[in-house]
């Protein structure tokens, strides 16, 4: 009998890439959740519409699917603009939905649940940061306060539920993920997706927010998918937190320049210092994942930018640019 994998948030960026990867393999019975965004066509995916903030709907979903493994990629997310201007949208729904999903996983005796945390709890640093480097006595960036403490709370909730039954839990603190199916509109996307769209639709110039001196650790989504696969096979502990990143940071300005160069276009960069930016530097130490899981990133930033541009050009018009 095939194991049943349930992908929550399968119509989103990370969830869709994971769902398509497992569907292409075909060795699992694959179930996926959608809510307001319509599902995509794939004959190997069984779709379920569910509001994951509704306990009755979550209970019914798990009773129907009875998943062996759960990939919890559903979340309320957006870019720096919302983090600065409306930070509350990243808190309430995410706490509620994960509470119900974690409980259902344990009550239905699932083998393993993967939860996507993030890295906003880490203090800005020019050196690679390991999982244990997080210091709760130090303040996180003020603009990350809500989302950072929400993620930390959910990590502890994973640890709590992992002790109630046989369900393993993994919290992945991933860096900035990019690649196919990312958000590429200019209102909701992170800087990478927005820059791809700005460059490829530009006529001579683009504007970036701030100086671009802040540095980010950028990981291609295919490397994240490979990480999830290794977690399911190789994680031994009942609960574990893992960093998952490229392990090297690039300034936003350098990334923009690389995107322009890869696009083959002649584009002048201008700066808007009135728009919101979050001036932090971050890169991840992923030695724990390398030691426990045998994982390391394989896609260079140069290759990742080139392949993402190619994907955007092939799919231009199939996603909304606002």
C-alpha atoms as a PDB file:
ATOM      1  CA  UNK A   1       0.000   0.000   0.000  1.00  0.00           C
ATOM      2  CA  UNK A   2       1.328   3.421  -0.957  1.00  0.00           C
ATOM      3  CA  UNK A   3       2.032   5.941   1.753  1.00  0.00           C
ATOM      4  CA  UNK A   4      -0.260   8.952   1.743  1.00  0.00           C
ATOM      5  CA  UNK A   5       1.329  12.392   1.590  1.00  0.00           C
ATOM      6  CA  UNK A   6      -0.805  15.442   2.346  1.00  0.00           C
ATOM      7  CA  UNK A   7       0.474  18.796   1.078  1.00  0.00           C
ATOM      8  CA  UNK A   8      -1.235  21.734   2.769  1.00  0.00           C
ATOM      9  CA  UNK A   9      -0.922  24.958   0.809  1.00  0.00           C
ATOM     10  CA  UNK A  10      -0.325  23.103  -2.448  1.00  0.00           C
ATOM     11  CA  UNK A  11      -1.419  26.041  -4.609  1.00  0.00           C
ATOM     12  CA  UNK A  12       1.247  28.293  -3.075  1.00  0.00           C
ATOM     13  CA  UNK A  13       4.857  28.716  -4.116  1.00  0.00           C
ATOM     14  CA  UNK A  14       6.617  26.122  -1.948  1.00  0.00           C
ATOM     15  CA  UNK A  15       3.651  23.760  -1.715  1.00  0.00           C
ATOM     16  CA  UNK A  16       3.160  23.585  -5.467  1.00  0.00           C
ATOM     17  CA  UNK A  17       6.798  22.795  -6.148  1.00  0.00           C
ATOM     18  CA  UNK A  18       6.716  20.012  -3.566  1.00  0.00           C
ATOM     19  CA  UNK A  19       3.417  18.609  -4.840  1.00  0.00           C
ATOM     20  CA  UNK A  20       4.589  18.591  -8.457  1.00  0.00           C
ATOM     21  CA  UNK A  21       7.845  16.906  -7.463  1.00  0.00           C
ATOM     22  CA  UNK A  22       6.122  14.070  -5.613  1.00  0.00           C
ATOM     23  CA  UNK A  23       3.474  13.748  -8.338  1.00  0.00           C
ATOM     24  CA  UNK A  24       6.168  13.331 -10.992  1.00  0.00           C
ATOM     25  CA  UNK A  25       7.638  10.430  -9.023  1.00  0.00           C
ATOM     26  CA  UNK A  26       4.308   8.645  -8.623  1.00  0.00           C
ATOM     27  CA  UNK A  27       5.331   6.307  -5.788  1.00  0.00           C
ATOM     28  CA  UNK A  28       3.079   7.966  -3.171  1.00  0.00           C
ATOM     29  CA  UNK A  29      -0.657   8.525  -2.925  1.00  0.00           C
ATOM     30  CA  UNK A  30      -0.620  12.300  -3.098  1.00  0.00           C
ATOM     31  CA  UNK A  31      -3.331  14.499  -1.575  1.00  0.00           C
ATOM     32  CA  UNK A  32      -3.308  18.282  -1.661  1.00  0.00           C
ATOM     33  CA  UNK A  33      -5.254  21.122  -0.069  1.00  0.00           C
ATOM     34  CA  UNK A  34      -6.573  24.260  -1.713  1.00  0.00           C
ATOM     35  CA  UNK A  35      -8.905  26.949  -0.418  1.00  0.00           C
ATOM     36  CA  UNK A  36      -9.534  30.194  -2.283  1.00  0.00           C
ATOM     37  CA  UNK A  37      -6.927  29.737  -5.016  1.00  0.00           C
ATOM     38  CA  UNK A  38      -8.095  27.106  -7.545  1.00  0.00           C
ATOM     39  CA  UNK A  39      -6.133  23.836  -7.869  1.00  0.00           C
ATOM     40  CA  UNK A  40      -3.909  23.137 -10.843  1.00  0.00           C
ATOM     41  CA  UNK A  41      -4.394  20.159 -13.148  1.00  0.00           C
ATOM     42  CA  UNK A  42      -2.452  17.025 -12.268  1.00  0.00           C
ATOM     43  CA  UNK A  43      -3.908  13.557 -12.655  1.00  0.00           C
ATOM     44  CA  UNK A  44      -1.746  12.190  -9.829  1.00  0.00           C
ATOM     45  CA  UNK A  45      -3.025  14.617  -7.193  1.00  0.00           C
ATOM     46  CA  UNK A  46      -6.253  14.164  -5.214  1.00  0.00           C
ATOM     47  CA  UNK A  47      -7.495  17.651  -4.321  1.00  0.00           C
ATOM     48  CA  UNK A  48      -9.409  18.651  -1.174  1.00  0.00           C
ATOM     49  CA  UNK A  49     -10.888  22.086  -0.559  1.00  0.00           C
ATOM     50  CA  UNK A  50     -10.438  23.078   3.068  1.00  0.00           C
ATOM     51  CA  UNK A  51     -10.320  26.186   5.218  1.00  0.00           C
ATOM     52  CA  UNK A  52      -7.422  25.238   7.471  1.00  0.00           C
ATOM     53  CA  UNK A  53      -8.465  27.809  10.092  1.00  0.00           C
ATOM     54  CA  UNK A  54     -11.740  25.918  10.649  1.00  0.00           C
ATOM     55  CA  UNK A  55     -11.343  23.036  13.141  1.00  0.00           C
ATOM     56  CA  UNK A  56     -14.301  21.096  11.763  1.00  0.00           C
ATOM     57  CA  UNK A  57     -12.937  21.220   8.228  1.00  0.00           C
ATOM     58  CA  UNK A  58      -9.446  20.189   9.362  1.00  0.00           C
ATOM     59  CA  UNK A  59     -10.859  17.252  11.331  1.00  0.00           C
ATOM     60  CA  UNK A  60     -12.881  16.110   8.328  1.00  0.00           C
ATOM     61  CA  UNK A  61      -9.884  16.457   5.994  1.00  0.00           C
ATOM     62  CA  UNK A  62      -7.683  14.224   8.151  1.00  0.00           C
ATOM     63  CA  UNK A  63     -10.446  11.648   8.615  1.00  0.00           C
ATOM     64  CA  UNK A  64     -10.803  11.370   4.838  1.00  0.00           C
ATOM     65  CA  UNK A  65      -7.130  11.393   3.850  1.00  0.00           C
ATOM     66  CA  UNK A  66      -5.558   9.623   6.849  1.00  0.00           C
ATOM     67  CA  UNK A  67      -2.125  10.924   5.821  1.00  0.00           C
ATOM     68  CA  UNK A  68       1.114   9.133   6.562  1.00  0.00           C
ATOM     69  CA  UNK A  69       3.210  12.251   6.053  1.00  0.00           C
ATOM     70  CA  UNK A  70       2.177  15.911   6.116  1.00  0.00           C
ATOM     71  CA  UNK A  71       3.899  18.864   4.472  1.00  0.00           C
ATOM     72  CA  UNK A  72       2.529  22.007   6.065  1.00  0.00           C
ATOM     73  CA  UNK A  73       3.235  24.726   3.496  1.00  0.00           C
ATOM     74  CA  UNK A  74       0.020  26.699   4.021  1.00  0.00           C
ATOM     75  CA  UNK A  75       0.557  30.185   5.392  1.00  0.00           C
ATOM     76  CA  UNK A  76      -0.418  33.809   5.152  1.00  0.00           C
ATOM     77  CA  UNK A  77       2.662  35.398   3.599  1.00  0.00           C
ATOM     78  CA  UNK A  78       3.741  38.468   1.662  1.00  0.00           C
ATOM     79  CA  UNK A  79       6.657  40.815   1.183  1.00  0.00           C
ATOM     80  CA  UNK A  80       8.426  43.549   3.113  1.00  0.00           C
ATOM     81  CA  UNK A  81       5.681  46.098   2.496  1.00  0.00           C
ATOM     82  CA  UNK A  82       3.086  44.111   4.462  1.00  0.00           C
ATOM     83  CA  UNK A  83       5.576  43.142   7.163  1.00  0.00           C
ATOM     84  CA  UNK A  84       6.136  46.852   7.745  1.00  0.00           C
ATOM     85  CA  UNK A  85       2.624  48.271   7.252  1.00  0.00           C
ATOM     86  CA  UNK A  86       0.237  45.422   8.261  1.00  0.00           C
ATOM     87  CA  UNK A  87       2.257  42.922  10.344  1.00  0.00           C
ATOM     88  CA  UNK A  88      -0.851  41.521  12.046  1.00  0.00           C
ATOM     89  CA  UNK A  89      -1.854  39.577   8.922  1.00  0.00           C
ATOM     90  CA  UNK A  90       1.067  37.177   9.458  1.00  0.00           C
ATOM     91  CA  UNK A  91       0.129  36.285  13.018  1.00  0.00           C
ATOM     92  CA  UNK A  92      -3.471  35.255  13.690  1.00  0.00           C
ATOM     93  CA  UNK A  93      -4.335  32.914  10.810  1.00  0.00           C
ATOM     94  CA  UNK A  94      -0.951  31.184  10.902  1.00  0.00           C
ATOM     95  CA  UNK A  95      -1.220  30.366  14.612  1.00  0.00           C
ATOM     96  CA  UNK A  96      -4.787  29.127  14.261  1.00  0.00           C
ATOM     97  CA  UNK A  97      -4.283  26.886  11.216  1.00  0.00           C
ATOM     98  CA  UNK A  98      -1.086  25.289  12.493  1.00  0.00           C
ATOM     99  CA  UNK A  99      -2.656  24.541  15.883  1.00  0.00           C
ATOM    100  CA  UNK A 100      -5.406  22.520  14.254  1.00  0.00           C
ATOM    101  CA  UNK A 101      -3.117  20.800  11.740  1.00  0.00           C
ATOM    102  CA  UNK A 102      -0.561  19.740  14.381  1.00  0.00           C
ATOM    103  CA  UNK A 103      -3.294  18.364  16.621  1.00  0.00           C
ATOM    104  CA  UNK A 104      -4.917  16.447  13.782  1.00  0.00           C
ATOM    105  CA  UNK A 105      -1.569  14.935  12.773  1.00  0.00           C
ATOM    106  CA  UNK A 106      -1.031  13.488  16.256  1.00  0.00           C
ATOM    107  CA  UNK A 107      -4.628  12.385  16.755  1.00  0.00           C
ATOM    108  CA  UNK A 108      -4.578  10.569  13.393  1.00  0.00           C
ATOM    109  CA  UNK A 109      -1.197   8.969  14.171  1.00  0.00           C
ATOM    110  CA  UNK A 110       0.661  10.382  11.164  1.00  0.00           C
ATOM    111  CA  UNK A 111       4.299   9.349  10.910  1.00  0.00           C
ATOM    112  CA  UNK A 112       5.881  12.743  10.233  1.00  0.00           C
ATOM    113  CA  UNK A 113       4.971  16.411   9.777  1.00  0.00           C
ATOM    114  CA  UNK A 114       7.198  19.053   8.216  1.00  0.00           C
ATOM    115  CA  UNK A 115       6.531  22.672   9.179  1.00  0.00           C
ATOM    116  CA  UNK A 116       8.069  25.605   7.337  1.00  0.00           C
ATOM    117  CA  UNK A 117       9.352  28.118   9.835  1.00  0.00           C
ATOM    118  CA  UNK A 118      11.679  30.941   8.744  1.00  0.00           C
ATOM    119  CA  UNK A 119      14.805  32.845   9.762  1.00  0.00           C
ATOM    120  CA  UNK A 120      13.422  36.196  10.884  1.00  0.00           C
ATOM    121  CA  UNK A 121      14.129  35.367  14.532  1.00  0.00           C
ATOM    122  CA  UNK A 122      17.870  35.517  13.848  1.00  0.00           C
ATOM    123  CA  UNK A 123      19.676  38.742  14.621  1.00  0.00           C
ATOM    124  CA  UNK A 124      21.466  40.404  11.720  1.00  0.00           C
ATOM    125  CA  UNK A 125      24.955  38.985  11.363  1.00  0.00           C
ATOM    126  CA  UNK A 126      27.734  38.955   8.800  1.00  0.00           C
ATOM    127  CA  UNK A 127      28.733  35.389   9.765  1.00  0.00           C
ATOM    128  CA  UNK A 128      26.762  32.184   9.039  1.00  0.00           C
ATOM    129  CA  UNK A 129      24.210  31.558  11.795  1.00  0.00           C
ATOM    130  CA  UNK A 130      23.526  28.072  13.196  1.00  0.00           C
ATOM    131  CA  UNK A 131      20.283  26.940  14.804  1.00  0.00           C
ATOM    132  CA  UNK A 132      21.655  27.233  18.346  1.00  0.00           C
ATOM    133  CA  UNK A 133      22.956  30.755  17.723  1.00  0.00           C
ATOM    134  CA  UNK A 134      19.486  32.171  18.267  1.00  0.00           C
ATOM    135  CA  UNK A 135      19.491  34.072  21.566  1.00  0.00           C
ATOM    136  CA  UNK A 136      16.084  34.790  23.067  1.00  0.00           C
ATOM    137  CA  UNK A 137      17.661  37.447  25.300  1.00  0.00           C
ATOM    138  CA  UNK A 138      18.480  39.559  22.266  1.00  0.00           C
ATOM    139  CA  UNK A 139      15.828  41.560  20.446  1.00  0.00           C
ATOM    140  CA  UNK A 140      14.765  40.594  16.960  1.00  0.00           C
ATOM    141  CA  UNK A 141      14.408  43.323  14.356  1.00  0.00           C
ATOM    142  CA  UNK A 142      11.408  45.476  15.423  1.00  0.00           C
ATOM    143  CA  UNK A 143       9.684  45.011  12.080  1.00  0.00           C
ATOM    144  CA  UNK A 144       9.981  41.228  12.410  1.00  0.00           C
ATOM    145  CA  UNK A 145       8.671  41.091  15.993  1.00  0.00           C
ATOM    146  CA  UNK A 146       5.247  39.649  15.216  1.00  0.00           C
ATOM    147  CA  UNK A 147       6.163  37.108  12.576  1.00  0.00           C
ATOM    148  CA  UNK A 148       9.371  36.029  14.357  1.00  0.00           C
ATOM    149  CA  UNK A 149       7.681  35.257  17.658  1.00  0.00           C
ATOM    150  CA  UNK A 150       4.800  33.568  15.865  1.00  0.00           C
ATOM    151  CA  UNK A 151       7.240  31.212  14.150  1.00  0.00           C
ATOM    152  CA  UNK A 152       9.100  30.555  17.421  1.00  0.00           C
ATOM    153  CA  UNK A 153       5.822  29.745  19.156  1.00  0.00           C
ATOM    154  CA  UNK A 154       4.869  27.322  16.376  1.00  0.00           C
ATOM    155  CA  UNK A 155       8.276  25.638  16.580  1.00  0.00           C
ATOM    156  CA  UNK A 156       7.664  25.044  20.284  1.00  0.00           C
ATOM    157  CA  UNK A 157       4.210  23.762  19.447  1.00  0.00           C
ATOM    158  CA  UNK A 158       5.842  21.238  17.079  1.00  0.00           C
ATOM    159  CA  UNK A 159       8.116  20.138  19.918  1.00  0.00           C
ATOM    160  CA  UNK A 160       5.143  19.848  22.283  1.00  0.00           C
ATOM    161  CA  UNK A 161       3.067  17.729  19.914  1.00  0.00           C
ATOM    162  CA  UNK A 162       6.046  15.526  19.047  1.00  0.00           C
ATOM    163  CA  UNK A 163       6.012  14.334  22.669  1.00  0.00           C
ATOM    164  CA  UNK A 164       2.341  13.353  22.662  1.00  0.00           C
ATOM    165  CA  UNK A 165       2.476  10.443  20.252  1.00  0.00           C
ATOM    166  CA  UNK A 166       4.527   8.809  17.534  1.00  0.00           C
ATOM    167  CA  UNK A 167       4.387  11.670  15.035  1.00  0.00           C
ATOM    168  CA  UNK A 168       7.789  13.152  14.220  1.00  0.00           C
ATOM    169  CA  UNK A 169       7.944  16.899  13.682  1.00  0.00           C
ATOM    170  CA  UNK A 170      10.449  18.975  11.736  1.00  0.00           C
ATOM    171  CA  UNK A 171      10.693  22.764  11.770  1.00  0.00           C
ATOM    172  CA  UNK A 172      12.640  24.086   8.789  1.00  0.00           C
ATOM    173  CA  UNK A 173      14.158  27.540   9.150  1.00  0.00           C
ATOM    174  CA  UNK A 174      14.634  28.222   5.484  1.00  0.00           C
ATOM    175  CA  UNK A 175      16.254  31.264   3.944  1.00  0.00           C
ATOM    176  CA  UNK A 176      14.818  33.312   1.062  1.00  0.00           C
ATOM    177  CA  UNK A 177      13.408  30.806  -1.423  1.00  0.00           C
ATOM    178  CA  UNK A 178      13.036  31.572  -5.133  1.00  0.00           C
ATOM    179  CA  UNK A 179      12.183  29.777  -8.365  1.00  0.00           C
ATOM    180  CA  UNK A 180       9.164  28.612 -10.420  1.00  0.00           C
ATOM    181  CA  UNK A 181       5.668  29.489  -9.148  1.00  0.00           C
ATOM    182  CA  UNK A 182       6.988  32.248  -6.893  1.00  0.00           C
ATOM    183  CA  UNK A 183       4.916  35.405  -6.440  1.00  0.00           C
ATOM    184  CA  UNK A 184       5.972  37.709  -9.253  1.00  0.00           C
ATOM    185  CA  UNK A 185       3.485  40.551  -8.833  1.00  0.00           C
ATOM    186  CA  UNK A 186       4.755  43.838  -7.467  1.00  0.00           C
ATOM    187  CA  UNK A 187       2.436  44.057  -4.450  1.00  0.00           C
ATOM    188  CA  UNK A 188       2.776  40.682  -2.731  1.00  0.00           C
ATOM    189  CA  UNK A 189       6.162  39.325  -3.777  1.00  0.00           C
ATOM    190  CA  UNK A 190       9.503  39.307  -1.992  1.00  0.00           C
ATOM    191  CA  UNK A 191      12.310  41.279  -3.580  1.00  0.00           C
ATOM    192  CA  UNK A 192      13.568  38.450  -5.816  1.00  0.00           C
ATOM    193  CA  UNK A 193      10.252  37.776  -7.563  1.00  0.00           C
ATOM    194  CA  UNK A 194       9.478  41.487  -7.814  1.00  0.00           C
ATOM    195  CA  UNK A 195      12.899  42.185  -9.337  1.00  0.00           C
ATOM    196  CA  UNK A 196      12.483  39.453 -11.954  1.00  0.00           C
ATOM    197  CA  UNK A 197       9.213  41.058 -13.049  1.00  0.00           C
ATOM    198  CA  UNK A 198      10.617  44.596 -12.932  1.00  0.00           C
ATOM    199  CA  UNK A 199      13.616  43.671 -15.076  1.00  0.00           C
ATOM    200  CA  UNK A 200      11.770  41.575 -17.641  1.00  0.00           C
ATOM    201  CA  UNK A 201       9.020  44.172 -18.098  1.00  0.00           C
ATOM    202  CA  UNK A 202      11.291  47.226 -17.895  1.00  0.00           C
ATOM    203  CA  UNK A 203      11.908  49.795 -20.565  1.00  0.00           C
ATOM    204  CA  UNK A 204      15.361  51.096 -19.797  1.00  0.00           C
ATOM    205  CA  UNK A 205      15.255  51.427 -15.999  1.00  0.00           C
ATOM    206  CA  UNK A 206      13.967  49.892 -12.764  1.00  0.00           C
ATOM    207  CA  UNK A 207      13.602  51.218  -9.226  1.00  0.00           C
ATOM    208  CA  UNK A 208      14.643  49.289  -6.133  1.00  0.00           C
ATOM    209  CA  UNK A 209      13.687  50.133  -2.561  1.00  0.00           C
ATOM    210  CA  UNK A 210      16.463  51.675  -0.496  1.00  0.00           C
ATOM    211  CA  UNK A 211      20.184  51.319  -1.110  1.00  0.00           C
ATOM    212  CA  UNK A 212      20.177  47.563  -1.642  1.00  0.00           C
ATOM    213  CA  UNK A 213      22.985  47.081   0.880  1.00  0.00           C
ATOM    214  CA  UNK A 214      21.049  44.531   2.942  1.00  0.00           C
ATOM    215  CA  UNK A 215      22.194  40.940   2.300  1.00  0.00           C
ATOM    216  CA  UNK A 216      20.100  37.805   1.878  1.00  0.00           C
ATOM    217  CA  UNK A 217      20.726  34.053   1.736  1.00  0.00           C
ATOM    218  CA  UNK A 218      18.951  32.848  -1.435  1.00  0.00           C
ATOM    219  CA  UNK A 219      18.054  29.183  -2.004  1.00  0.00           C
ATOM    220  CA  UNK A 220      16.436  27.688  -5.109  1.00  0.00           C
ATOM    221  CA  UNK A 221      13.152  25.930  -4.367  1.00  0.00           C
ATOM    222  CA  UNK A 222      14.387  22.647  -5.892  1.00  0.00           C
ATOM    223  CA  UNK A 223      17.038  22.475  -3.167  1.00  0.00           C
ATOM    224  CA  UNK A 224      14.318  22.985  -0.549  1.00  0.00           C
ATOM    225  CA  UNK A 225      12.256  20.160  -2.069  1.00  0.00           C
ATOM    226  CA  UNK A 226      15.299  17.887  -1.901  1.00  0.00           C
ATOM    227  CA  UNK A 227      15.703  18.893   1.744  1.00  0.00           C
ATOM    228  CA  UNK A 228      12.139  17.822   2.585  1.00  0.00           C
ATOM    229  CA  UNK A 229      12.678  14.443   0.942  1.00  0.00           C
ATOM    230  CA  UNK A 230      15.819  13.814   2.988  1.00  0.00           C
ATOM    231  CA  UNK A 231      14.099  14.854   6.223  1.00  0.00           C
ATOM    232  CA  UNK A 232      11.425  12.193   5.759  1.00  0.00           C
ATOM    233  CA  UNK A 233      14.008   9.480   5.180  1.00  0.00           C
ATOM    234  CA  UNK A 234      16.850  10.395   7.521  1.00  0.00           C
ATOM    235  CA  UNK A 235      15.620  12.378  10.523  1.00  0.00           C
ATOM    236  CA  UNK A 236      16.090  10.217  13.612  1.00  0.00           C
ATOM    237  CA  UNK A 237      14.941  12.494  16.449  1.00  0.00           C
ATOM    238  CA  UNK A 238      11.281  12.899  17.293  1.00  0.00           C
ATOM    239  CA  UNK A 239      11.631  16.659  16.858  1.00  0.00           C
ATOM    240  CA  UNK A 240      14.314  18.722  15.172  1.00  0.00           C
ATOM    241  CA  UNK A 241      14.898  22.263  13.935  1.00  0.00           C
ATOM    242  CA  UNK A 242      17.005  22.597  10.790  1.00  0.00           C
ATOM    243  CA  UNK A 243      18.467  25.548   8.949  1.00  0.00           C
ATOM    244  CA  UNK A 244      18.034  25.252   5.201  1.00  0.00           C
ATOM    245  CA  UNK A 245      19.849  27.808   3.075  1.00  0.00           C
ATOM    246  CA  UNK A 246      22.534  28.400   0.507  1.00  0.00           C
ATOM    247  CA  UNK A 247      25.056  29.269   3.203  1.00  0.00           C
ATOM    248  CA  UNK A 248      26.200  32.491   1.584  1.00  0.00           C
ATOM    249  CA  UNK A 249      24.651  35.936   1.417  1.00  0.00           C
ATOM    250  CA  UNK A 250      24.406  38.401  -1.447  1.00  0.00           C
ATOM    251  CA  UNK A 251      23.401  42.041  -1.211  1.00  0.00           C
ATOM    252  CA  UNK A 252      20.086  42.927  -2.781  1.00  0.00           C
ATOM    253  CA  UNK A 253      21.877  45.299  -5.130  1.00  0.00           C
ATOM    254  CA  UNK A 254      24.231  42.544  -6.360  1.00  0.00           C
ATOM    255  CA  UNK A 255      21.309  40.185  -6.912  1.00  0.00           C
ATOM    256  CA  UNK A 256      19.508  42.841  -8.939  1.00  0.00           C
ATOM    257  CA  UNK A 257      22.637  43.345 -11.047  1.00  0.00           C
ATOM    258  CA  UNK A 258      22.937  39.578 -11.623  1.00  0.00           C
ATOM    259  CA  UNK A 259      19.290  39.364 -12.695  1.00  0.00           C
ATOM    260  CA  UNK A 260      19.811  42.231 -15.159  1.00  0.00           C
ATOM    261  CA  UNK A 261      22.963  40.599 -16.522  1.00  0.00           C
ATOM    262  CA  UNK A 262      21.259  37.211 -16.917  1.00  0.00           C
ATOM    263  CA  UNK A 263      18.267  38.803 -18.654  1.00  0.00           C
ATOM    264  CA  UNK A 264      20.486  40.251 -21.395  1.00  0.00           C
ATOM    265  CA  UNK A 265      18.709  43.595 -21.118  1.00  0.00           C
ATOM    266  CA  UNK A 266      20.212  47.045 -20.723  1.00  0.00           C
ATOM    267  CA  UNK A 267      18.634  48.398 -17.543  1.00  0.00           C
ATOM    268  CA  UNK A 268      19.561  51.343 -15.319  1.00  0.00           C
ATOM    269  CA  UNK A 269      19.030  50.929 -11.554  1.00  0.00           C
ATOM    270  CA  UNK A 270      17.409  53.766  -9.602  1.00  0.00           C
ATOM    271  CA  UNK A 271      16.780  53.889  -5.847  1.00  0.00           C
ATOM    272  CA  UNK A 272      13.643  54.909  -3.939  1.00  0.00           C
ATOM    273  CA  UNK A 273      14.644  55.717  -0.371  1.00  0.00           C
ATOM    274  CA  UNK A 274      11.052  56.446   0.697  1.00  0.00           C
ATOM    275  CA  UNK A 275       9.835  52.852   0.379  1.00  0.00           C
ATOM    276  CA  UNK A 276      10.042  50.368   3.289  1.00  0.00           C
ATOM    277  CA  UNK A 277      13.165  48.211   3.614  1.00  0.00           C
ATOM    278  CA  UNK A 278      14.463  45.920   6.326  1.00  0.00           C
ATOM    279  CA  UNK A 279      18.207  46.465   6.645  1.00  0.00           C
ATOM    280  CA  UNK A 280      19.512  43.149   7.934  1.00  0.00           C
ATOM    281  CA  UNK A 281      22.221  40.740   6.815  1.00  0.00           C
ATOM    282  CA  UNK A 282      21.794  36.993   7.031  1.00  0.00           C
ATOM    283  CA  UNK A 283      23.321  33.744   5.859  1.00  0.00           C
ATOM    284  CA  UNK A 284      22.796  30.278   7.334  1.00  0.00           C
ATOM    285  CA  UNK A 285      25.086  27.647   8.756  1.00  0.00           C
ATOM    286  CA  UNK A 286      23.516  24.378   7.557  1.00  0.00           C
ATOM    287  CA  UNK A 287      26.074  21.975   9.021  1.00  0.00           C
ATOM    288  CA  UNK A 288      23.414  20.217  11.124  1.00  0.00           C
ATOM    289  CA  UNK A 289      21.462  19.310   7.987  1.00  0.00           C
ATOM    290  CA  UNK A 290      24.624  18.180   6.249  1.00  0.00           C
ATOM    291  CA  UNK A 291      25.584  15.951   9.182  1.00  0.00           C
ATOM    292  CA  UNK A 292      22.131  14.486   9.930  1.00  0.00           C
ATOM    293  CA  UNK A 293      20.590  14.357   6.479  1.00  0.00           C
ATOM    294  CA  UNK A 294      23.471  14.417   4.021  1.00  0.00           C
ATOM    295  CA  UNK A 295      21.957  17.519   2.412  1.00  0.00           C
ATOM    296  CA  UNK A 296      23.693  20.466   0.813  1.00  0.00           C
ATOM    297  CA  UNK A 297      22.481  22.935  -1.846  1.00  0.00           C
ATOM    298  CA  UNK A 298      23.311  22.066  -5.434  1.00  0.00           C
ATOM    299  CA  UNK A 299      21.939  24.970  -7.494  1.00  0.00           C
ATOM    300  CA  UNK A 300      24.168  28.038  -7.767  1.00  0.00           C
ATOM    301  CA  UNK A 301      22.625  31.493  -7.649  1.00  0.00           C
ATOM    302  CA  UNK A 302      23.747  32.128 -11.227  1.00  0.00           C
ATOM    303  CA  UNK A 303      22.056  28.967 -12.514  1.00  0.00           C
ATOM    304  CA  UNK A 304      19.008  29.588 -10.350  1.00  0.00           C
ATOM    305  CA  UNK A 305      18.528  33.104 -11.691  1.00  0.00           C
ATOM    306  CA  UNK A 306      18.899  31.898 -15.281  1.00  0.00           C
ATOM    307  CA  UNK A 307      16.389  29.055 -14.884  1.00  0.00           C
ATOM    308  CA  UNK A 308      13.888  31.295 -13.080  1.00  0.00           C
ATOM    309  CA  UNK A 309      14.044  33.864 -15.874  1.00  0.00           C
ATOM    310  CA  UNK A 310      13.489  31.091 -18.424  1.00  0.00           C
ATOM    311  CA  UNK A 311      10.466  29.844 -16.458  1.00  0.00           C
ATOM    312  CA  UNK A 312       9.045  33.372 -16.181  1.00  0.00           C
ATOM    313  CA  UNK A 313       9.377  33.918 -19.921  1.00  0.00           C
ATOM    314  CA  UNK A 314       7.621  30.637 -20.722  1.00  0.00           C
ATOM    315  CA  UNK A 315       4.794  31.318 -18.262  1.00  0.00           C
ATOM    316  CA  UNK A 316       4.344  35.058 -18.762  1.00  0.00           C
ATOM    317  CA  UNK A 317       0.607  35.675 -18.846  1.00  0.00           C
ATOM    318  CA  UNK A 318      -0.339  32.633 -16.771  1.00  0.00           C
ATOM    319  CA  UNK A 319       0.138  34.529 -13.496  1.00  0.00           C
ATOM    320  CA  UNK A 320      -1.128  37.951 -12.509  1.00  0.00           C
ATOM    321  CA  UNK A 321       1.257  40.917 -12.512  1.00  0.00           C
ATOM    322  CA  UNK A 322      -0.229  43.752 -10.433  1.00  0.00           C
END
